[in-house]
PDB file of all heavy atoms in Angstrom:
ATOM      1  N   LEU A   1     144.014  99.731  17.386  1.00  0.00           N
ATOM      2  CA  LEU A   1     143.680 101.032  16.826  1.00  0.00           C
ATOM      3  C   LEU A   1     144.774 101.452  15.858  1.00  0.00           C
ATOM      4  O   LEU A   1     145.954 101.261  16.115  1.00  0.00           O
ATOM      5  CB  LEU A   1     143.519 102.057  17.945  1.00  0.00           C
ATOM      6  CG  LEU A   1     142.439 101.698  18.967  1.00  0.00           C
ATOM      7  CD1 LEU A   1     142.464 102.683  20.111  1.00  0.00           C
ATOM      8  CD2 LEU A   1     141.083 101.675  18.319  1.00  0.00           C
ATOM      9  N   CYS A   2     144.348 102.011  14.741  1.00  0.00           N
ATOM     10  CA  CYS A   2     145.340 102.352  13.729  1.00  0.00           C
ATOM     11  C   CYS A   2     144.908 103.588  12.960  1.00  0.00           C
ATOM     12  O   CYS A   2     143.812 104.088  13.131  1.00  0.00           O
ATOM     13  CB  CYS A   2     145.548 101.175  12.792  1.00  0.00           C
ATOM     14  SG  CYS A   2     144.066 100.730  11.863  1.00  0.00           S
ATOM     15  N   ASP A   3     145.795 104.039  12.140  1.00  0.00           N
ATOM     16  CA  ASP A   3     145.503 105.192  11.295  1.00  0.00           C
ATOM     17  C   ASP A   3     145.017 104.768   9.918  1.00  0.00           C
ATOM     18  O   ASP A   3     144.779 105.598   9.068  1.00  0.00           O
ATOM     19  CB  ASP A   3     146.747 106.069  11.178  1.00  0.00           C
ATOM     20  CG  ASP A   3     147.141 106.684  12.514  1.00  0.00           C
ATOM     21  OD1 ASP A   3     146.239 106.968  13.311  1.00  0.00           O
ATOM     22  OD2 ASP A   3     148.344 106.859  12.747  1.00  0.00           O
ATOM     23  N   GLY A   4     144.894 103.469   9.708  1.00  0.00           N
ATOM     24  CA  GLY A   4     144.410 102.950   8.429  1.00  0.00           C
ATOM     25  C   GLY A   4     142.894 102.979   8.380  1.00  0.00           C
ATOM     26  O   GLY A   4     142.244 103.747   9.090  1.00  0.00           O
ATOM     27  N   PRO A   5     142.316 102.104   7.571  1.00  0.00           N
ATOM     28  CA  PRO A   5     140.849 102.059   7.476  1.00  0.00           C
ATOM     29  C   PRO A   5     140.228 101.569   8.774  1.00  0.00           C
ATOM     30  O   PRO A   5     140.908 100.973   9.610  1.00  0.00           O
ATOM     31  CB  PRO A   5     140.600 101.063   6.335  1.00  0.00           C
ATOM     32  CG  PRO A   5     141.835 100.249   6.250  1.00  0.00           C
ATOM     33  CD  PRO A   5     142.967 101.133   6.703  1.00  0.00           C
ATOM     34  N   PRO A   6     138.942 101.803   8.947  1.00  0.00           N
ATOM     35  CA  PRO A   6     138.261 101.311  10.133  1.00  0.00           C
ATOM     36  C   PRO A   6     138.433  99.804  10.289  1.00  0.00           C
ATOM     37  O   PRO A   6     138.577  99.082   9.304  1.00  0.00           O
ATOM     38  CB  PRO A   6     136.791 101.669   9.880  1.00  0.00           C
ATOM     39  CG  PRO A   6     136.866 102.871   9.008  1.00  0.00           C
ATOM     40  CD  PRO A   6     138.046 102.615   8.111  1.00  0.00           C
ATOM     41  N   ARG A   7     138.409  99.365  11.544  1.00  0.00           N
ATOM     42  CA  ARG A   7     138.523  97.942  11.851  1.00  0.00           C
ATOM     43  C   ARG A   7     137.255  97.501  12.566  1.00  0.00           C
ATOM     44  O   ARG A   7     136.731  98.208  13.424  1.00  0.00           O
ATOM     45  CB  ARG A   7     139.750  97.695  12.723  1.00  0.00           C
ATOM     46  CG  ARG A   7     141.033  98.106  11.988  1.00  0.00           C
ATOM     47  CD  ARG A   7     142.256  97.649  12.685  1.00  0.00           C
ATOM     48  NE  ARG A   7     142.426  96.209  12.393  1.00  0.00           N
ATOM     49  CZ  ARG A   7     143.310  95.448  13.010  1.00  0.00           C
ATOM     50  NH1 ARG A   7     144.089  95.948  13.941  1.00  0.00           N
ATOM     51  NH2 ARG A   7     143.419  94.176  12.699  1.00  0.00           N
ATOM     52  N   ALA A   8     136.785  96.323  12.192  1.00  0.00           N
ATOM     53  CA  ALA A   8     135.594  95.720  12.791  1.00  0.00           C
ATOM     54  C   ALA A   8     135.633  94.235  12.451  1.00  0.00           C
ATOM     55  O   ALA A   8     136.412  93.807  11.609  1.00  0.00           O
ATOM     56  CB  ALA A   8     134.319  96.360  12.245  1.00  0.00           C
ATOM     57  N   LYS A   9     134.790  93.463  13.101  1.00  0.00           N
ATOM     58  CA  LYS A   9     134.731  92.034  12.826  1.00  0.00           C
ATOM     59  C   LYS A   9     133.622  91.764  11.819  1.00  0.00           C
ATOM     60  O   LYS A   9     132.511  92.286  11.949  1.00  0.00           O
ATOM     61  CB  LYS A   9     134.473  91.250  14.109  1.00  0.00           C
ATOM     62  CG  LYS A   9     134.624  89.744  13.929  1.00  0.00           C
ATOM     63  CD  LYS A   9     134.318  89.003  15.191  1.00  0.00           C
ATOM     64  CE  LYS A   9     132.872  89.021  15.549  1.00  0.00           C
ATOM     65  NZ  LYS A   9     131.965  88.471  14.553  1.00  0.00           N
ATOM     66  N   VAL A  10     133.950  90.968  10.818  1.00  0.00           N
ATOM     67  CA  VAL A  10     132.937  90.581   9.844  1.00  0.00           C
ATOM     68  C   VAL A  10     131.794  89.902  10.602  1.00  0.00           C
ATOM     69  O   VAL A  10     131.992  89.372  11.707  1.00  0.00           O
ATOM     70  CB  VAL A  10     133.545  89.650   8.758  1.00  0.00           C
ATOM     71  CG1 VAL A  10     133.919  88.289   9.322  1.00  0.00           C
ATOM     72  CG2 VAL A  10     132.626  89.529   7.558  1.00  0.00           C
ATOM     73  N   VAL A  11     130.601  89.924  10.036  1.00  0.00           N
ATOM     74  CA  VAL A  11     129.447  89.314  10.710  1.00  0.00           C
ATOM     75  C   VAL A  11     129.698  87.835  10.993  1.00  0.00           C
ATOM     76  O   VAL A  11     130.443  87.169  10.279  1.00  0.00           O
ATOM     77  CB  VAL A  11     128.143  89.496   9.894  1.00  0.00           C
ATOM     78  CG1 VAL A  11     127.714  90.956   9.870  1.00  0.00           C
ATOM     79  CG2 VAL A  11     128.269  88.933   8.494  1.00  0.00           C
ATOM     80  N   ASP A  12     129.093  87.340  12.065  1.00  0.00           N
ATOM     81  CA  ASP A  12     129.265  85.938  12.453  1.00  0.00           C
ATOM     82  C   ASP A  12     128.663  84.991  11.421  1.00  0.00           C
ATOM     83  O   ASP A  12     129.260  83.981  11.062  1.00  0.00           O
ATOM     84  CB  ASP A  12     128.600  85.678  13.812  1.00  0.00           C
ATOM     85  CG  ASP A  12     129.253  86.472  14.921  1.00  0.00           C
ATOM     86  OD1 ASP A  12     130.486  86.613  14.914  1.00  0.00           O
ATOM     87  OD2 ASP A  12     128.518  86.962  15.809  1.00  0.00           O
ATOM     88  N   VAL A  13     127.473  85.309  10.985  1.00  0.00           N
ATOM     89  CA  VAL A  13     126.746  84.534   9.979  1.00  0.00           C
ATOM     90  C   VAL A  13     126.158  85.533   8.987  1.00  0.00           C
ATOM     91  O   VAL A  13     126.069  86.723   9.288  1.00  0.00           O
ATOM     92  CB  VAL A  13     125.640  83.665  10.628  1.00  0.00           C
ATOM     93  CG1 VAL A  13     126.248  82.588  11.520  1.00  0.00           C
ATOM     94  CG2 VAL A  13     124.659  84.503  11.408  1.00  0.00           C
ATOM     95  N   PRO A  14     125.760  85.084   7.808  1.00  0.00           N
ATOM     96  CA  PRO A  14     125.282  86.036   6.792  1.00  0.00           C
ATOM     97  C   PRO A  14     123.913  86.628   7.129  1.00  0.00           C
ATOM     98  O   PRO A  14     122.881  86.129   6.699  1.00  0.00           O
ATOM     99  CB  PRO A  14     125.234  85.196   5.519  1.00  0.00           C
ATOM    100  CG  PRO A  14     125.043  83.802   5.993  1.00  0.00           C
ATOM    101  CD  PRO A  14     125.759  83.717   7.311  1.00  0.00           C
ATOM    102  N   ARG A  15     123.951  87.691   7.900  1.00  0.00           N
ATOM    103  CA  ARG A  15     122.733  88.424   8.257  1.00  0.00           C
ATOM    104  C   ARG A  15     122.941  89.880   7.916  1.00  0.00           C
ATOM    105  O   ARG A  15     123.778  90.514   8.543  1.00  0.00           O
ATOM    106  CB  ARG A  15     122.419  88.254   9.748  1.00  0.00           C
ATOM    107  CG  ARG A  15     121.975  86.870  10.074  1.00  0.00           C
ATOM    108  CD  ARG A  15     121.501  86.767  11.496  1.00  0.00           C
ATOM    109  NE  ARG A  15     121.135  85.386  11.785  1.00  0.00           N
ATOM    110  CZ  ARG A  15     121.231  84.840  12.962  1.00  0.00           C
ATOM    111  NH1 ARG A  15     121.670  85.533  13.982  1.00  0.00           N
ATOM    112  NH2 ARG A  15     120.872  83.597  13.131  1.00  0.00           N
ATOM    113  N   PRO A  16     122.265  90.381   6.954  1.00  0.00           N
ATOM    114  CA  PRO A  16     121.353  89.720   6.039  1.00  0.00           C
ATOM    115  C   PRO A  16     122.115  88.798   5.070  1.00  0.00           C
ATOM    116  O   PRO A  16     123.282  89.040   4.772  1.00  0.00           O
ATOM    117  CB  PRO A  16     120.702  90.868   5.266  1.00  0.00           C
ATOM    118  CG  PRO A  16     121.126  92.122   5.928  1.00  0.00           C
ATOM    119  CD  PRO A  16     122.299  91.827   6.757  1.00  0.00           C
ATOM    120  N   PRO A  17     121.428  87.783   4.551  1.00  0.00           N
ATOM    121  CA  PRO A  17     122.079  86.906   3.582  1.00  0.00           C
ATOM    122  C   PRO A  17     122.342  87.655   2.268  1.00  0.00           C
ATOM    123  O   PRO A  17     121.646  88.617   1.940  1.00  0.00           O
ATOM    124  CB  PRO A  17     121.080  85.771   3.390  1.00  0.00           C
ATOM    125  CG  PRO A  17     119.790  86.250   3.948  1.00  0.00           C
ATOM    126  CD  PRO A  17     120.084  87.360   4.895  1.00  0.00           C
ATOM    127  N   LEU A  18     123.353  87.179   1.541  1.00  0.00           N
ATOM    128  CA  LEU A  18     123.733  87.844   0.291  1.00  0.00           C
ATOM    129  C   LEU A  18     122.578  87.964  -0.698  1.00  0.00           C
ATOM    130  O   LEU A  18     122.482  88.962  -1.412  1.00  0.00           O
ATOM    131  CB  LEU A  18     124.905  87.115  -0.369  1.00  0.00           C
ATOM    132  CG  LEU A  18     126.286  87.567   0.061  1.00  0.00           C
ATOM    133  CD1 LEU A  18     127.362  86.729  -0.608  1.00  0.00           C
ATOM    134  CD2 LEU A  18     126.516  89.038  -0.220  1.00  0.00           C
ATOM    135  N   GLU A  19     121.690  86.971  -0.742  1.00  0.00           N
ATOM    136  CA  GLU A  19     120.602  87.054  -1.716  1.00  0.00           C
ATOM    137  C   GLU A  19     119.648  88.213  -1.429  1.00  0.00           C
ATOM    138  O   GLU A  19     118.949  88.684  -2.322  1.00  0.00           O
ATOM    139  CB  GLU A  19     119.838  85.732  -1.847  1.00  0.00           C
ATOM    140  CG  GLU A  19     119.188  85.238  -0.582  1.00  0.00           C
ATOM    141  CD  GLU A  19     120.060  84.253   0.201  1.00  0.00           C
ATOM    142  OE1 GLU A  19     121.264  84.131  -0.071  1.00  0.00           O
ATOM    143  OE2 GLU A  19     119.518  83.609   1.117  1.00  0.00           O
ATOM    144  N   LEU A  20     119.620  88.708  -0.191  1.00  0.00           N
ATOM    145  CA  LEU A  20     118.830  89.898   0.135  1.00  0.00           C
ATOM    146  C   LEU A  20     119.685  91.161   0.091  1.00  0.00           C
ATOM    147  O   LEU A  20     119.201  92.235  -0.258  1.00  0.00           O
ATOM    148  CB  LEU A  20     118.203  89.750   1.522  1.00  0.00           C
ATOM    149  CG  LEU A  20     117.179  88.631   1.694  1.00  0.00           C
ATOM    150  CD1 LEU A  20     116.689  88.576   3.139  1.00  0.00           C
ATOM    151  CD2 LEU A  20     116.010  88.807   0.735  1.00  0.00           C
ATOM    152  N   LEU A  21     120.936  91.032   0.449  1.00  0.00           N
ATOM    153  CA  LEU A  21     121.842  92.180   0.513  1.00  0.00           C
ATOM    154  C   LEU A  21     122.322  92.625  -0.870  1.00  0.00           C
ATOM    155  O   LEU A  21     122.422  93.825  -1.144  1.00  0.00           O
ATOM    156  CB  LEU A  21     123.040  91.801   1.389  1.00  0.00           C
ATOM    157  CG  LEU A  21     123.861  92.879   2.044  1.00  0.00           C
ATOM    158  CD1 LEU A  21     123.000  93.863   2.811  1.00  0.00           C
ATOM    159  CD2 LEU A  21     124.899  92.254   2.954  1.00  0.00           C
ATOM    160  N   ALA A  22     122.601  91.666  -1.736  1.00  0.00           N
ATOM    161  CA  ALA A  22     123.160  91.977  -3.058  1.00  0.00           C
ATOM    162  C   ALA A  22     122.271  92.914  -3.891  1.00  0.00           C
ATOM    163  O   ALA A  22     122.802  93.846  -4.518  1.00  0.00           O
ATOM    164  CB  ALA A  22     123.459  90.690  -3.816  1.00  0.00           C
ATOM    165  N   PRO A  23     120.942  92.723  -3.927  1.00  0.00           N
ATOM    166  CA  PRO A  23     120.131  93.665  -4.700  1.00  0.00           C
ATOM    167  C   PRO A  23     120.241  95.113  -4.210  1.00  0.00           C
ATOM    168  O   PRO A  23     120.246  96.047  -5.008  1.00  0.00           O
ATOM    169  CB  PRO A  23     118.701  93.123  -4.536  1.00  0.00           C
ATOM    170  CG  PRO A  23     118.874  91.677  -4.226  1.00  0.00           C
ATOM    171  CD  PRO A  23     120.142  91.595  -3.422  1.00  0.00           C
ATOM    172  N   LEU A  24     120.353  95.298  -2.890  1.00  0.00           N
ATOM    173  CA  LEU A  24     120.519  96.655  -2.361  1.00  0.00           C
ATOM    174  C   LEU A  24     121.862  97.230  -2.792  1.00  0.00           C
ATOM    175  O   LEU A  24     121.946  98.404  -3.183  1.00  0.00           O
ATOM    176  CB  LEU A  24     120.419  96.656  -0.832  1.00  0.00           C
ATOM    177  CG  LEU A  24     119.039  96.536  -0.217  1.00  0.00           C
ATOM    178  CD1 LEU A  24     119.125  96.593   1.297  1.00  0.00           C
ATOM    179  CD2 LEU A  24     118.105  97.611  -0.730  1.00  0.00           C
ATOM    180  N   PHE A  25     122.911  96.429  -2.714  1.00  0.00           N
ATOM    181  CA  PHE A  25     124.237  96.896  -3.130  1.00  0.00           C
ATOM    182  C   PHE A  25     124.240  97.244  -4.619  1.00  0.00           C
ATOM    183  O   PHE A  25     124.848  98.240  -5.017  1.00  0.00           O
ATOM    184  CB  PHE A  25     125.305  95.849  -2.803  1.00  0.00           C
ATOM    185  CG  PHE A  25     125.890  95.994  -1.417  1.00  0.00           C
ATOM    186  CD1 PHE A  25     125.087  95.914  -0.284  1.00  0.00           C
ATOM    187  CD2 PHE A  25     127.238  96.229  -1.238  1.00  0.00           C
ATOM    188  CE1 PHE A  25     125.619  96.046   0.981  1.00  0.00           C
ATOM    189  CE2 PHE A  25     127.783  96.367   0.025  1.00  0.00           C
ATOM    190  CZ  PHE A  25     126.971  96.272   1.142  1.00  0.00           C
ATOM    191  N   ARG A  26     123.565  96.425  -5.443  1.00  0.00           N
ATOM    192  CA  ARG A  26     123.491  96.737  -6.882  1.00  0.00           C
ATOM    193  C   ARG A  26     122.745  98.047  -7.103  1.00  0.00           C
ATOM    194  O   ARG A  26     123.188  98.904  -7.864  1.00  0.00           O
ATOM    195  CB  ARG A  26     122.811  95.598  -7.634  1.00  0.00           C
ATOM    196  CG  ARG A  26     123.732  94.430  -7.911  1.00  0.00           C
ATOM    197  CD  ARG A  26     123.132  93.453  -8.924  1.00  0.00           C
ATOM    198  NE  ARG A  26     121.869  92.871  -8.498  1.00  0.00           N
ATOM    199  CZ  ARG A  26     121.750  91.795  -7.730  1.00  0.00           C
ATOM    200  NH1 ARG A  26     122.823  91.169  -7.291  1.00  0.00           N
ATOM    201  NH2 ARG A  26     120.557  91.333  -7.407  1.00  0.00           N
ATOM    202  N   GLU A  27     121.607  98.213  -6.427  1.00  0.00           N
ATOM    203  CA  GLU A  27     120.822  99.441  -6.583  1.00  0.00           C
ATOM    204  C   GLU A  27     121.624 100.665  -6.145  1.00  0.00           C
ATOM    205  O   GLU A  27     121.511 101.739  -6.730  1.00  0.00           O
ATOM    206  CB  GLU A  27     119.528  99.349  -5.770  1.00  0.00           C
ATOM    207  CG  GLU A  27     118.629 100.559  -5.935  1.00  0.00           C
ATOM    208  CD  GLU A  27     117.344 100.480  -5.128  1.00  0.00           C
ATOM    209  OE1 GLU A  27     116.967  99.381  -4.664  1.00  0.00           O
ATOM    210  OE2 GLU A  27     116.714 101.537  -4.955  1.00  0.00           O
ATOM    211  N   ALA A  28     122.460 100.484  -5.139  1.00  0.00           N
ATOM    212  CA  ALA A  28     123.286 101.587  -4.634  1.00  0.00           C
ATOM    213  C   ALA A  28     124.495 101.855  -5.536  1.00  0.00           C
ATOM    214  O   ALA A  28     125.207 102.831  -5.335  1.00  0.00           O
ATOM    215  CB  ALA A  28     123.751 101.274  -3.218  1.00  0.00           C
ATOM    216  N   GLY A  29     124.734 100.963  -6.499  1.00  0.00           N
ATOM    217  CA  GLY A  29     125.855 101.159  -7.414  1.00  0.00           C
ATOM    218  C   GLY A  29     127.113 100.403  -7.028  1.00  0.00           C
ATOM    219  O   GLY A  29     128.190 100.672  -7.558  1.00  0.00           O
ATOM    220  N   PHE A  30     126.974  99.428  -6.128  1.00  0.00           N
ATOM    221  CA  PHE A  30     128.132  98.673  -5.653  1.00  0.00           C
ATOM    222  C   PHE A  30     127.956  97.176  -5.900  1.00  0.00           C
ATOM    223  O   PHE A  30     128.215  96.341  -5.031  1.00  0.00           O
ATOM    224  CB  PHE A  30     128.373  98.943  -4.159  1.00  0.00           C
ATOM    225  CG  PHE A  30     128.465 100.400  -3.826  1.00  0.00           C
ATOM    226  CD1 PHE A  30     127.524 100.994  -3.002  1.00  0.00           C
ATOM    227  CD2 PHE A  30     129.474 101.179  -4.357  1.00  0.00           C
ATOM    228  CE1 PHE A  30     127.600 102.348  -2.695  1.00  0.00           C
ATOM    229  CE2 PHE A  30     129.555 102.542  -4.067  1.00  0.00           C
ATOM    230  CZ  PHE A  30     128.619 103.121  -3.233  1.00  0.00           C
ATOM    231  N   GLY A  31     127.532  96.833  -7.101  1.00  0.00           N
ATOM    232  CA  GLY A  31     127.276  95.439  -7.448  1.00  0.00           C
ATOM    233  C   GLY A  31     128.507  94.556  -7.446  1.00  0.00           C
ATOM    234  O   GLY A  31     128.402  93.341  -7.373  1.00  0.00           O
ATOM    235  N   GLU A  32     129.675  95.154  -7.544  1.00  0.00           N
ATOM    236  CA  GLU A  32     130.921  94.376  -7.581  1.00  0.00           C
ATOM    237  C   GLU A  32     131.657  94.437  -6.247  1.00  0.00           C
ATOM    238  O   GLU A  32     132.882  94.272  -6.206  1.00  0.00           O
ATOM    239  CB  GLU A  32     131.827  94.907  -8.705  1.00  0.00           C
ATOM    240  CG  GLU A  32     131.201  94.825 -10.080  1.00  0.00           C
ATOM    241  CD  GLU A  32     130.887  93.396 -10.512  1.00  0.00           C
ATOM    242  OE1 GLU A  32     131.723  92.506 -10.257  1.00  0.00           O
ATOM    243  OE2 GLU A  32     129.804  93.171 -11.078  1.00  0.00           O
ATOM    244  N   ALA A  33     130.951  94.659  -5.160  1.00  0.00           N
ATOM    245  CA  ALA A  33     131.583  94.762  -3.847  1.00  0.00           C
ATOM    246  C   ALA A  33     132.307  93.465  -3.493  1.00  0.00           C
ATOM    247  O   ALA A  33     131.838  92.367  -3.796  1.00  0.00           O
ATOM    248  CB  ALA A  33     130.540  95.099  -2.776  1.00  0.00           C
ATOM    249  N   LYS A  34     133.436  93.605  -2.829  1.00  0.00           N
ATOM    250  CA  LYS A  34     134.261  92.478  -2.398  1.00  0.00           C
ATOM    251  C   LYS A  34     133.509  91.670  -1.337  1.00  0.00           C
ATOM    252  O   LYS A  34     132.791  92.230  -0.504  1.00  0.00           O
ATOM    253  CB  LYS A  34     135.570  93.031  -1.821  1.00  0.00           C
ATOM    254  CG  LYS A  34     136.529  91.990  -1.317  1.00  0.00           C
ATOM    255  CD  LYS A  34     137.776  92.665  -0.760  1.00  0.00           C
ATOM    256  CE  LYS A  34     138.650  91.637  -0.059  1.00  0.00           C
ATOM    257  NZ  LYS A  34     139.793  92.266   0.611  1.00  0.00           N
ATOM    258  N   THR A  35     133.690  90.344  -1.358  1.00  0.00           N
ATOM    259  CA  THR A  35     133.073  89.484  -0.358  1.00  0.00           C
ATOM    260  C   THR A  35     134.134  88.852   0.536  1.00  0.00           C
ATOM    261  O   THR A  35     135.306  88.772   0.172  1.00  0.00           O
ATOM    262  CB  THR A  35     132.225  88.365  -1.003  1.00  0.00           C
ATOM    263  OG1 THR A  35     133.057  87.579  -1.847  1.00  0.00           O
ATOM    264  CG2 THR A  35     131.053  88.933  -1.784  1.00  0.00           C
ATOM    265  N   SER A  36     133.701  88.416   1.700  1.00  0.00           N
ATOM    266  CA  SER A  36     134.543  87.724   2.678  1.00  0.00           C
ATOM    267  C   SER A  36     133.728  86.612   3.314  1.00  0.00           C
ATOM    268  O   SER A  36     132.498  86.678   3.354  1.00  0.00           O
ATOM    269  CB  SER A  36     135.003  88.675   3.787  1.00  0.00           C
ATOM    270  OG  SER A  36     135.855  89.663   3.280  1.00  0.00           O
ATOM    271  N   LYS A  37     134.422  85.636   3.845  1.00  0.00           N
ATOM    272  CA  LYS A  37     133.769  84.553   4.573  1.00  0.00           C
ATOM    273  C   LYS A  37     133.318  85.082   5.930  1.00  0.00           C
ATOM    274  O   LYS A  37     134.013  85.870   6.564  1.00  0.00           O
ATOM    275  CB  LYS A  37     134.756  83.401   4.748  1.00  0.00           C
ATOM    276  CG  LYS A  37     134.122  82.123   5.169  1.00  0.00           C
ATOM    277  CD  LYS A  37     135.130  80.991   5.126  1.00  0.00           C
ATOM    278  CE  LYS A  37     134.503  79.736   5.668  1.00  0.00           C
ATOM    279  NZ  LYS A  37     135.480  78.662   5.783  1.00  0.00           N
ATOM    280  N   THR A  38     132.157  84.657   6.379  1.00  0.00           N
ATOM    281  CA  THR A  38     131.664  85.049   7.694  1.00  0.00           C
ATOM    282  C   THR A  38     132.502  84.369   8.780  1.00  0.00           C
ATOM    283  O   THR A  38     133.273  83.452   8.496  1.00  0.00           O
ATOM    284  CB  THR A  38     130.180  84.668   7.867  1.00  0.00           C
ATOM    285  OG1 THR A  38     130.039  83.258   7.707  1.00  0.00           O
ATOM    286  CG2 THR A  38     129.294  85.400   6.856  1.00  0.00           C
ATOM    287  N   SER A  39     132.341  84.816  10.014  1.00  0.00           N
ATOM    288  CA  SER A  39     133.123  84.250  11.118  1.00  0.00           C
ATOM    289  C   SER A  39     132.879  82.758  11.309  1.00  0.00           C
ATOM    290  O   SER A  39     133.783  82.017  11.685  1.00  0.00           O
ATOM    291  CB  SER A  39     132.796  84.965  12.436  1.00  0.00           C
ATOM    292  OG  SER A  39     133.230  86.288  12.406  1.00  0.00           O
ATOM    293  N   PHE A  40     131.653  82.317  11.085  1.00  0.00           N
ATOM    294  CA  PHE A  40     131.293  80.921  11.297  1.00  0.00           C
ATOM    295  C   PHE A  40     130.675  80.326  10.039  1.00  0.00           C
ATOM    296  O   PHE A  40     129.934  80.996   9.335  1.00  0.00           O
ATOM    297  CB  PHE A  40     130.306  80.778  12.459  1.00  0.00           C
ATOM    298  CG  PHE A  40     130.826  81.338  13.754  1.00  0.00           C
ATOM    299  CD1 PHE A  40     130.246  82.459  14.319  1.00  0.00           C
ATOM    300  CD2 PHE A  40     131.903  80.758  14.396  1.00  0.00           C
ATOM    301  CE1 PHE A  40     130.711  82.981  15.516  1.00  0.00           C
ATOM    302  CE2 PHE A  40     132.391  81.277  15.586  1.00  0.00           C
ATOM    303  CZ  PHE A  40     131.795  82.389  16.139  1.00  0.00           C
TER     304      PHE A  40
END
């Protein structure tokens, strides 16, 4: 627990996959969102 940003574990596998998630992020105005590798 910290006073910084929220902490959570990245998803285990890409659910939803980026090809479905990316259009929503673009529509929301976050097309350049940072990516990370999934847990597995």
